[in-house]
Amino acid sequence: MVDYHFRAGAGADETSPLFFVFHGTGGDENQFFELAGQLLPGARIVAPRGDVSEGGALRYFRRTGEGVYDMDDLRLRVAQMIAFVTAQKAECAPRKVIGLGYSNGANILAAVQFAAPELFDATVLMHPLIPFTPPEVDFSGRQVLITAGKRDPMASVATTQALNDYFAGQGAATTLVWHEGGHELRHEELAATQLFLSGV
């Protein structure tokens, strides 16, 4: 297992929801840590730091260009992240395991779900970009929120809609929330996330 550098905060008790948060390119384990505590009070928060550097900007896996992923590296990093999440989960007895990721963080989170659909009960994918066809797996009983910008230069409306349709087609309860902007996070996304998490 990769020994990720991570930041963690204790939950109310060992059955508290386990909330993993994944930063975007150039972020780190602090990017969403405080926000996570506001979105899901009482949860045990775990925020791993991406261990791939792209010109000094931290990421969770390599790419060879914008929207062009190194698929061999992605497979390796997904396996490592699955091991990390599984190990963290084994240290407590959470009633729910929830993930939230933005941009590159959303992409590694989604890829982990494709490989281990049983690992997360619910996920929030903010501005994901999955430029490949995911496998056929069963997401029955899982909840997925996708948030996106209609003018996002990185993740098109079509690819975002396709990802939402994929999760729905595999049995997940999906919610797709748009804003009128680009790749930036906006207030309406955070409000939708808070509402989503309150129902999880």
C-alpha atoms as a PDB file:
ATOM      1  CA  MET A   1       0.000   0.000   0.000  1.00  0.00           C
ATOM      2  CA  VAL A   2       1.186   3.507  -0.779  1.00  0.00           C
ATOM      3  CA  ASP A   3       1.915   5.491   2.347  1.00  0.00           C
ATOM      4  CA  TYR A   4      -0.016   8.592   1.331  1.00  0.00           C
ATOM      5  CA  HIS A   5       0.596  11.778   3.232  1.00  0.00           C
ATOM      6  CA  PHE A   6      -2.852  12.675   4.529  1.00  0.00           C
ATOM      7  CA  ARG A   7      -4.725  14.813   6.989  1.00  0.00           C
ATOM      8  CA  ALA A   8      -7.376  13.247   9.192  1.00  0.00           C
ATOM      9  CA  GLY A   9      -9.871  14.440  11.752  1.00  0.00           C
ATOM     10  CA  ALA A  10     -11.603  12.269  14.331  1.00  0.00           C
ATOM     11  CA  GLY A  11     -15.319  11.642  14.047  1.00  0.00           C
ATOM     12  CA  ALA A  12     -17.821  11.722  16.857  1.00  0.00           C
ATOM     13  CA  ASP A  13     -17.299   7.972  17.392  1.00  0.00           C
ATOM     14  CA  GLU A  14     -16.056   4.942  15.495  1.00  0.00           C
ATOM     15  CA  THR A  15     -19.383   4.558  13.665  1.00  0.00           C
ATOM     16  CA  SER A  16     -19.289   8.144  12.351  1.00  0.00           C
ATOM     17  CA  PRO A  17     -19.384   8.485   8.559  1.00  0.00           C
ATOM     18  CA  LEU A  18     -15.934   8.190   7.003  1.00  0.00           C
ATOM     19  CA  PHE A  19     -15.538  11.104   4.593  1.00  0.00           C
ATOM     20  CA  PHE A  20     -12.683  11.046   2.065  1.00  0.00           C
ATOM     21  CA  VAL A  21     -11.909  14.290   0.221  1.00  0.00           C
ATOM     22  CA  PHE A  22      -9.690  14.514  -2.859  1.00  0.00           C
ATOM     23  CA  HIS A  23      -8.131  17.785  -4.029  1.00  0.00           C
ATOM     24  CA  GLY A  24      -7.786  19.156  -7.544  1.00  0.00           C
ATOM     25  CA  THR A  25      -4.555  19.571  -9.503  1.00  0.00           C
ATOM     26  CA  GLY A  26      -2.268  21.913  -7.581  1.00  0.00           C
ATOM     27  CA  GLY A  27      -4.149  21.461  -4.323  1.00  0.00           C
ATOM     28  CA  ASP A  28      -3.228  19.391  -1.308  1.00  0.00           C
ATOM     29  CA  GLU A  29      -4.807  17.670   1.674  1.00  0.00           C
ATOM     30  CA  ASN A  30      -5.882  21.025   3.107  1.00  0.00           C
ATOM     31  CA  GLN A  31      -7.887  22.223   0.077  1.00  0.00           C
ATOM     32  CA  PHE A  32     -11.242  20.809   1.160  1.00  0.00           C
ATOM     33  CA  PHE A  33     -10.563  19.642   4.700  1.00  0.00           C
ATOM     34  CA  GLU A  34     -12.299  22.493   6.530  1.00  0.00           C
ATOM     35  CA  LEU A  35     -15.113  22.552   3.974  1.00  0.00           C
ATOM     36  CA  ALA A  36     -15.674  18.832   4.524  1.00  0.00           C
ATOM     37  CA  GLY A  37     -16.261  19.461   8.216  1.00  0.00           C
ATOM     38  CA  GLN A  38     -18.876  22.059   7.339  1.00  0.00           C
ATOM     39  CA  LEU A  39     -20.574  19.842   4.778  1.00  0.00           C
ATOM     40  CA  LEU A  40     -20.758  16.763   6.989  1.00  0.00           C
ATOM     41  CA  PRO A  41     -20.405  17.707  10.679  1.00  0.00           C
ATOM     42  CA  GLY A  42     -19.383  14.852  12.938  1.00  0.00           C
ATOM     43  CA  ALA A  43     -17.778  12.791  10.188  1.00  0.00           C
ATOM     44  CA  ARG A  44     -14.265  11.390  10.342  1.00  0.00           C
ATOM     45  CA  ILE A  45     -12.477  13.210   7.525  1.00  0.00           C
ATOM     46  CA  VAL A  46      -9.528  11.778   5.636  1.00  0.00           C
ATOM     47  CA  ALA A  47      -7.819  13.887   2.961  1.00  0.00           C
ATOM     48  CA  PRO A  48      -4.980  12.140   1.080  1.00  0.00           C
ATOM     49  CA  ARG A  49      -2.390  14.202  -0.773  1.00  0.00           C
ATOM     50  CA  GLY A  50      -1.787  13.334  -4.418  1.00  0.00           C
ATOM     51  CA  ASP A  51       1.686  11.891  -4.874  1.00  0.00           C
ATOM     52  CA  VAL A  52       2.234  12.707  -8.565  1.00  0.00           C
ATOM     53  CA  SER A  53       3.881  16.022  -9.467  1.00  0.00           C
ATOM     54  CA  GLU A  54       3.058  17.776 -12.723  1.00  0.00           C
ATOM     55  CA  GLY A  55       5.441  20.687 -12.905  1.00  0.00           C
ATOM     56  CA  GLY A  56       5.201  21.018  -9.137  1.00  0.00           C
ATOM     57  CA  ALA A  57       1.405  20.707  -9.053  1.00  0.00           C
ATOM     58  CA  LEU A  58       0.187  17.703  -7.074  1.00  0.00           C
ATOM     59  CA  ARG A  59      -2.102  15.188  -8.767  1.00  0.00           C
ATOM     60  CA  TYR A  60      -3.330  11.653  -8.132  1.00  0.00           C
ATOM     61  CA  PHE A  61      -2.212  10.173 -11.472  1.00  0.00           C
ATOM     62  CA  ARG A  62      -0.212  11.111 -14.541  1.00  0.00           C
ATOM     63  CA  ARG A  63      -1.496  12.502 -17.797  1.00  0.00           C
ATOM     64  CA  THR A  64       0.243  13.157 -21.110  1.00  0.00           C
ATOM     65  CA  GLY A  65      -1.932  16.140 -22.049  1.00  0.00           C
ATOM     66  CA  GLU A  66      -5.152  17.908 -21.123  1.00  0.00           C
ATOM     67  CA  GLY A  67      -7.762  15.172 -20.905  1.00  0.00           C
ATOM     68  CA  VAL A  68      -5.257  12.495 -22.038  1.00  0.00           C
ATOM     69  CA  TYR A  69      -4.574  10.087 -19.201  1.00  0.00           C
ATOM     70  CA  ASP A  70      -1.680   7.685 -18.734  1.00  0.00           C
ATOM     71  CA  MET A  71      -3.945   4.666 -18.357  1.00  0.00           C
ATOM     72  CA  ASP A  72      -1.226   2.336 -17.048  1.00  0.00           C
ATOM     73  CA  ASP A  73      -0.383   4.846 -14.332  1.00  0.00           C
ATOM     74  CA  LEU A  74      -4.062   5.384 -13.583  1.00  0.00           C
ATOM     75  CA  ARG A  75      -4.567   1.649 -13.004  1.00  0.00           C
ATOM     76  CA  LEU A  76      -1.608   1.593 -10.628  1.00  0.00           C
ATOM     77  CA  ARG A  77      -2.781   4.663  -8.687  1.00  0.00           C
ATOM     78  CA  VAL A  78      -6.344   3.323  -8.465  1.00  0.00           C
ATOM     79  CA  ALA A  79      -5.101   0.075  -6.919  1.00  0.00           C
ATOM     80  CA  GLN A  80      -3.020   2.061  -4.430  1.00  0.00           C
ATOM     81  CA  MET A  81      -5.935   4.305  -3.504  1.00  0.00           C
ATOM     82  CA  ILE A  82      -8.253   1.342  -3.031  1.00  0.00           C
ATOM     83  CA  ALA A  83      -5.731  -0.140  -0.605  1.00  0.00           C
ATOM     84  CA  PHE A  84      -5.452   3.178   1.244  1.00  0.00           C
ATOM     85  CA  VAL A  85      -9.212   3.661   1.573  1.00  0.00           C
ATOM     86  CA  THR A  86      -9.678   0.037   2.642  1.00  0.00           C
ATOM     87  CA  ALA A  87      -7.007   0.388   5.328  1.00  0.00           C
ATOM     88  CA  GLN A  88      -8.547   3.601   6.673  1.00  0.00           C
ATOM     89  CA  LYS A  89     -11.970   1.970   6.724  1.00  0.00           C
ATOM     90  CA  ALA A  90     -10.611  -0.987   8.698  1.00  0.00           C
ATOM     91  CA  GLU A  91      -9.487   1.321  11.515  1.00  0.00           C
ATOM     92  CA  CYS A  92     -13.074   2.189  12.460  1.00  0.00           C
ATOM     93  CA  ALA A  93     -16.611   0.932  11.908  1.00  0.00           C
ATOM     94  CA  PRO A  94     -18.211   3.674   9.813  1.00  0.00           C
ATOM     95  CA  ARG A  95     -21.906   3.428   9.077  1.00  0.00           C
ATOM     96  CA  LYS A  96     -21.241   5.134   5.713  1.00  0.00           C
ATOM     97  CA  VAL A  97     -18.190   5.714   3.538  1.00  0.00           C
ATOM     98  CA  ILE A  98     -18.477   8.890   1.460  1.00  0.00           C
ATOM     99  CA  GLY A  99     -16.147  10.485  -1.060  1.00  0.00           C
ATOM    100  CA  LEU A 100     -15.853  13.984  -2.486  1.00  0.00           C
ATOM    101  CA  GLY A 101     -13.450  15.034  -5.206  1.00  0.00           C
ATOM    102  CA  TYR A 102     -12.890  18.059  -7.392  1.00  0.00           C
ATOM    103  CA  SER A 103     -11.377  17.916 -10.895  1.00  0.00           C
ATOM    104  CA  ASN A 104      -8.411  15.489 -10.705  1.00  0.00           C
ATOM    105  CA  GLY A 105      -9.707  14.435  -7.301  1.00  0.00           C
ATOM    106  CA  ALA A 106     -13.105  13.632  -8.821  1.00  0.00           C
ATOM    107  CA  ASN A 107     -11.380  11.637 -11.549  1.00  0.00           C
ATOM    108  CA  ILE A 108      -9.408   9.408  -9.175  1.00  0.00           C
ATOM    109  CA  LEU A 109     -12.520   8.957  -7.027  1.00  0.00           C
ATOM    110  CA  ALA A 110     -14.637   7.930 -10.032  1.00  0.00           C
ATOM    111  CA  ALA A 111     -11.906   5.569 -11.254  1.00  0.00           C
ATOM    112  CA  VAL A 112     -11.740   3.959  -7.811  1.00  0.00           C
ATOM    113  CA  GLN A 113     -15.501   3.468  -7.960  1.00  0.00           C
ATOM    114  CA  PHE A 114     -15.239   1.765 -11.352  1.00  0.00           C
ATOM    115  CA  ALA A 115     -12.719  -0.702  -9.915  1.00  0.00           C
ATOM    116  CA  ALA A 116     -14.295  -1.167  -6.465  1.00  0.00           C
ATOM    117  CA  PRO A 117     -17.987  -0.171  -6.645  1.00  0.00           C
ATOM    118  CA  GLU A 118     -18.656  -1.501  -3.136  1.00  0.00           C
ATOM    119  CA  LEU A 119     -16.130   0.793  -1.454  1.00  0.00           C
ATOM    120  CA  PHE A 120     -18.147   4.030  -1.278  1.00  0.00           C
ATOM    121  CA  ASP A 121     -21.793   4.375  -0.292  1.00  0.00           C
ATOM    122  CA  ALA A 122     -22.068   7.861  -1.775  1.00  0.00           C
ATOM    123  CA  THR A 123     -19.828  10.192  -3.758  1.00  0.00           C
ATOM    124  CA  VAL A 124     -19.723  13.800  -4.880  1.00  0.00           C
ATOM    125  CA  LEU A 125     -17.873  14.295  -8.173  1.00  0.00           C
ATOM    126  CA  MET A 126     -17.202  17.973  -8.864  1.00  0.00           C
ATOM    127  CA  HIS A 127     -16.182  18.740 -12.450  1.00  0.00           C
ATOM    128  CA  PRO A 128     -15.083  15.200 -13.350  1.00  0.00           C
ATOM    129  CA  LEU A 129     -13.621  14.263 -16.722  1.00  0.00           C
ATOM    130  CA  ILE A 130     -13.660  10.586 -17.669  1.00  0.00           C
ATOM    131  CA  PRO A 131     -12.430  10.366 -21.299  1.00  0.00           C
ATOM    132  CA  PHE A 132     -12.726   6.588 -21.489  1.00  0.00           C
ATOM    133  CA  THR A 133     -15.531   4.028 -21.310  1.00  0.00           C
ATOM    134  CA  PRO A 134     -15.967   2.731 -17.747  1.00  0.00           C
ATOM    135  CA  PRO A 135     -16.601  -0.972 -17.110  1.00  0.00           C
ATOM    136  CA  GLU A 136     -19.983  -2.559 -16.523  1.00  0.00           C
ATOM    137  CA  VAL A 137     -20.374  -2.831 -12.740  1.00  0.00           C
ATOM    138  CA  ASP A 138     -23.232  -2.782 -10.229  1.00  0.00           C
ATOM    139  CA  PHE A 139     -23.844   0.480  -8.353  1.00  0.00           C
ATOM    140  CA  SER A 140     -27.183  -0.563  -6.886  1.00  0.00           C
ATOM    141  CA  GLY A 141     -27.742   1.149  -3.546  1.00  0.00           C
ATOM    142  CA  ARG A 142     -25.046   3.767  -4.220  1.00  0.00           C
ATOM    143  CA  GLN A 143     -25.658   7.503  -4.489  1.00  0.00           C
ATOM    144  CA  VAL A 144     -23.742   9.825  -6.826  1.00  0.00           C
ATOM    145  CA  LEU A 145     -23.890  13.613  -7.151  1.00  0.00           C
ATOM    146  CA  ILE A 146     -22.132  15.202 -10.126  1.00  0.00           C
ATOM    147  CA  THR A 147     -21.690  18.982 -10.281  1.00  0.00           C
ATOM    148  CA  ALA A 148     -20.406  20.789 -13.346  1.00  0.00           C
ATOM    149  CA  GLY A 149     -20.194  24.030 -15.291  1.00  0.00           C
ATOM    150  CA  LYS A 150     -21.953  24.360 -18.623  1.00  0.00           C
ATOM    151  CA  ARG A 151     -18.987  26.338 -19.965  1.00  0.00           C
ATOM    152  CA  ASP A 152     -16.241  24.187 -18.478  1.00  0.00           C
ATOM    153  CA  PRO A 153     -13.341  24.186 -20.995  1.00  0.00           C
ATOM    154  CA  MET A 154     -11.979  20.919 -19.574  1.00  0.00           C
ATOM    155  CA  ALA A 155     -15.066  18.775 -19.050  1.00  0.00           C
ATOM    156  CA  SER A 156     -17.695  19.178 -21.744  1.00  0.00           C
ATOM    157  CA  VAL A 157     -21.428  18.982 -21.189  1.00  0.00           C
ATOM    158  CA  ALA A 158     -21.507  15.802 -23.297  1.00  0.00           C
ATOM    159  CA  THR A 159     -18.831  13.936 -21.305  1.00  0.00           C
ATOM    160  CA  THR A 160     -20.373  15.022 -18.009  1.00  0.00           C
ATOM    161  CA  GLN A 161     -23.829  13.908 -19.084  1.00  0.00           C
ATOM    162  CA  ALA A 162     -22.377  10.607 -20.312  1.00  0.00           C
ATOM    163  CA  LEU A 163     -20.812   9.958 -16.904  1.00  0.00           C
ATOM    164  CA  ASN A 164     -24.087  10.687 -15.150  1.00  0.00           C
ATOM    165  CA  ASP A 165     -25.931   8.386 -17.558  1.00  0.00           C
ATOM    166  CA  TYR A 166     -23.328   5.671 -16.968  1.00  0.00           C
ATOM    167  CA  PHE A 167     -23.812   5.705 -13.195  1.00  0.00           C
ATOM    168  CA  ALA A 168     -27.593   5.736 -13.592  1.00  0.00           C
ATOM    169  CA  GLY A 169     -27.397   2.883 -16.070  1.00  0.00           C
ATOM    170  CA  GLN A 170     -25.400   0.814 -13.584  1.00  0.00           C
ATOM    171  CA  GLY A 171     -28.032   1.232 -10.878  1.00  0.00           C
ATOM    172  CA  ALA A 172     -26.804   4.251  -8.906  1.00  0.00           C
ATOM    173  CA  ALA A 173     -29.163   6.934  -7.638  1.00  0.00           C
ATOM    174  CA  THR A 174     -27.728   9.926  -9.486  1.00  0.00           C
ATOM    175  CA  THR A 175     -28.129  13.683  -9.279  1.00  0.00           C
ATOM    176  CA  LEU A 176     -26.597  16.080 -11.813  1.00  0.00           C
ATOM    177  CA  VAL A 177     -26.319  19.778 -10.928  1.00  0.00           C
ATOM    178  CA  TRP A 178     -25.151  22.402 -13.430  1.00  0.00           C
ATOM    179  CA  HIS A 179     -24.066  25.996 -13.074  1.00  0.00           C
ATOM    180  CA  GLU A 180     -23.583  28.538 -15.852  1.00  0.00           C
ATOM    181  CA  GLY A 181     -19.824  28.941 -15.385  1.00  0.00           C
ATOM    182  CA  GLY A 182     -16.689  27.000 -16.155  1.00  0.00           C
ATOM    183  CA  HIS A 183     -14.340  24.793 -14.131  1.00  0.00           C
ATOM    184  CA  GLU A 184     -14.566  26.873 -10.958  1.00  0.00           C
ATOM    185  CA  LEU A 185     -16.546  25.828  -7.901  1.00  0.00           C
ATOM    186  CA  ARG A 186     -19.644  27.913  -7.268  1.00  0.00           C
ATOM    187  CA  HIS A 187     -21.960  28.421  -4.338  1.00  0.00           C
ATOM    188  CA  GLU A 188     -24.823  26.479  -5.912  1.00  0.00           C
ATOM    189  CA  GLU A 189     -22.590  23.393  -6.126  1.00  0.00           C
ATOM    190  CA  LEU A 190     -21.779  23.589  -2.447  1.00  0.00           C
ATOM    191  CA  ALA A 191     -25.447  24.075  -1.578  1.00  0.00           C
ATOM    192  CA  ALA A 192     -26.366  21.040  -3.693  1.00  0.00           C
ATOM    193  CA  THR A 193     -23.592  19.040  -2.029  1.00  0.00           C
ATOM    194  CA  GLN A 194     -24.800  19.941   1.450  1.00  0.00           C
ATOM    195  CA  LEU A 195     -28.344  18.952   0.524  1.00  0.00           C
ATOM    196  CA  PHE A 196     -27.123  15.695  -1.018  1.00  0.00           C
ATOM    197  CA  LEU A 197     -25.033  14.770   2.025  1.00  0.00           C
ATOM    198  CA  SER A 198     -27.893  15.552   4.389  1.00  0.00           C
ATOM    199  CA  GLY A 199     -29.846  12.795   2.640  1.00  0.00           C
ATOM    200  CA  VAL A 200     -27.019  10.275   2.820  1.00  0.00           C
END
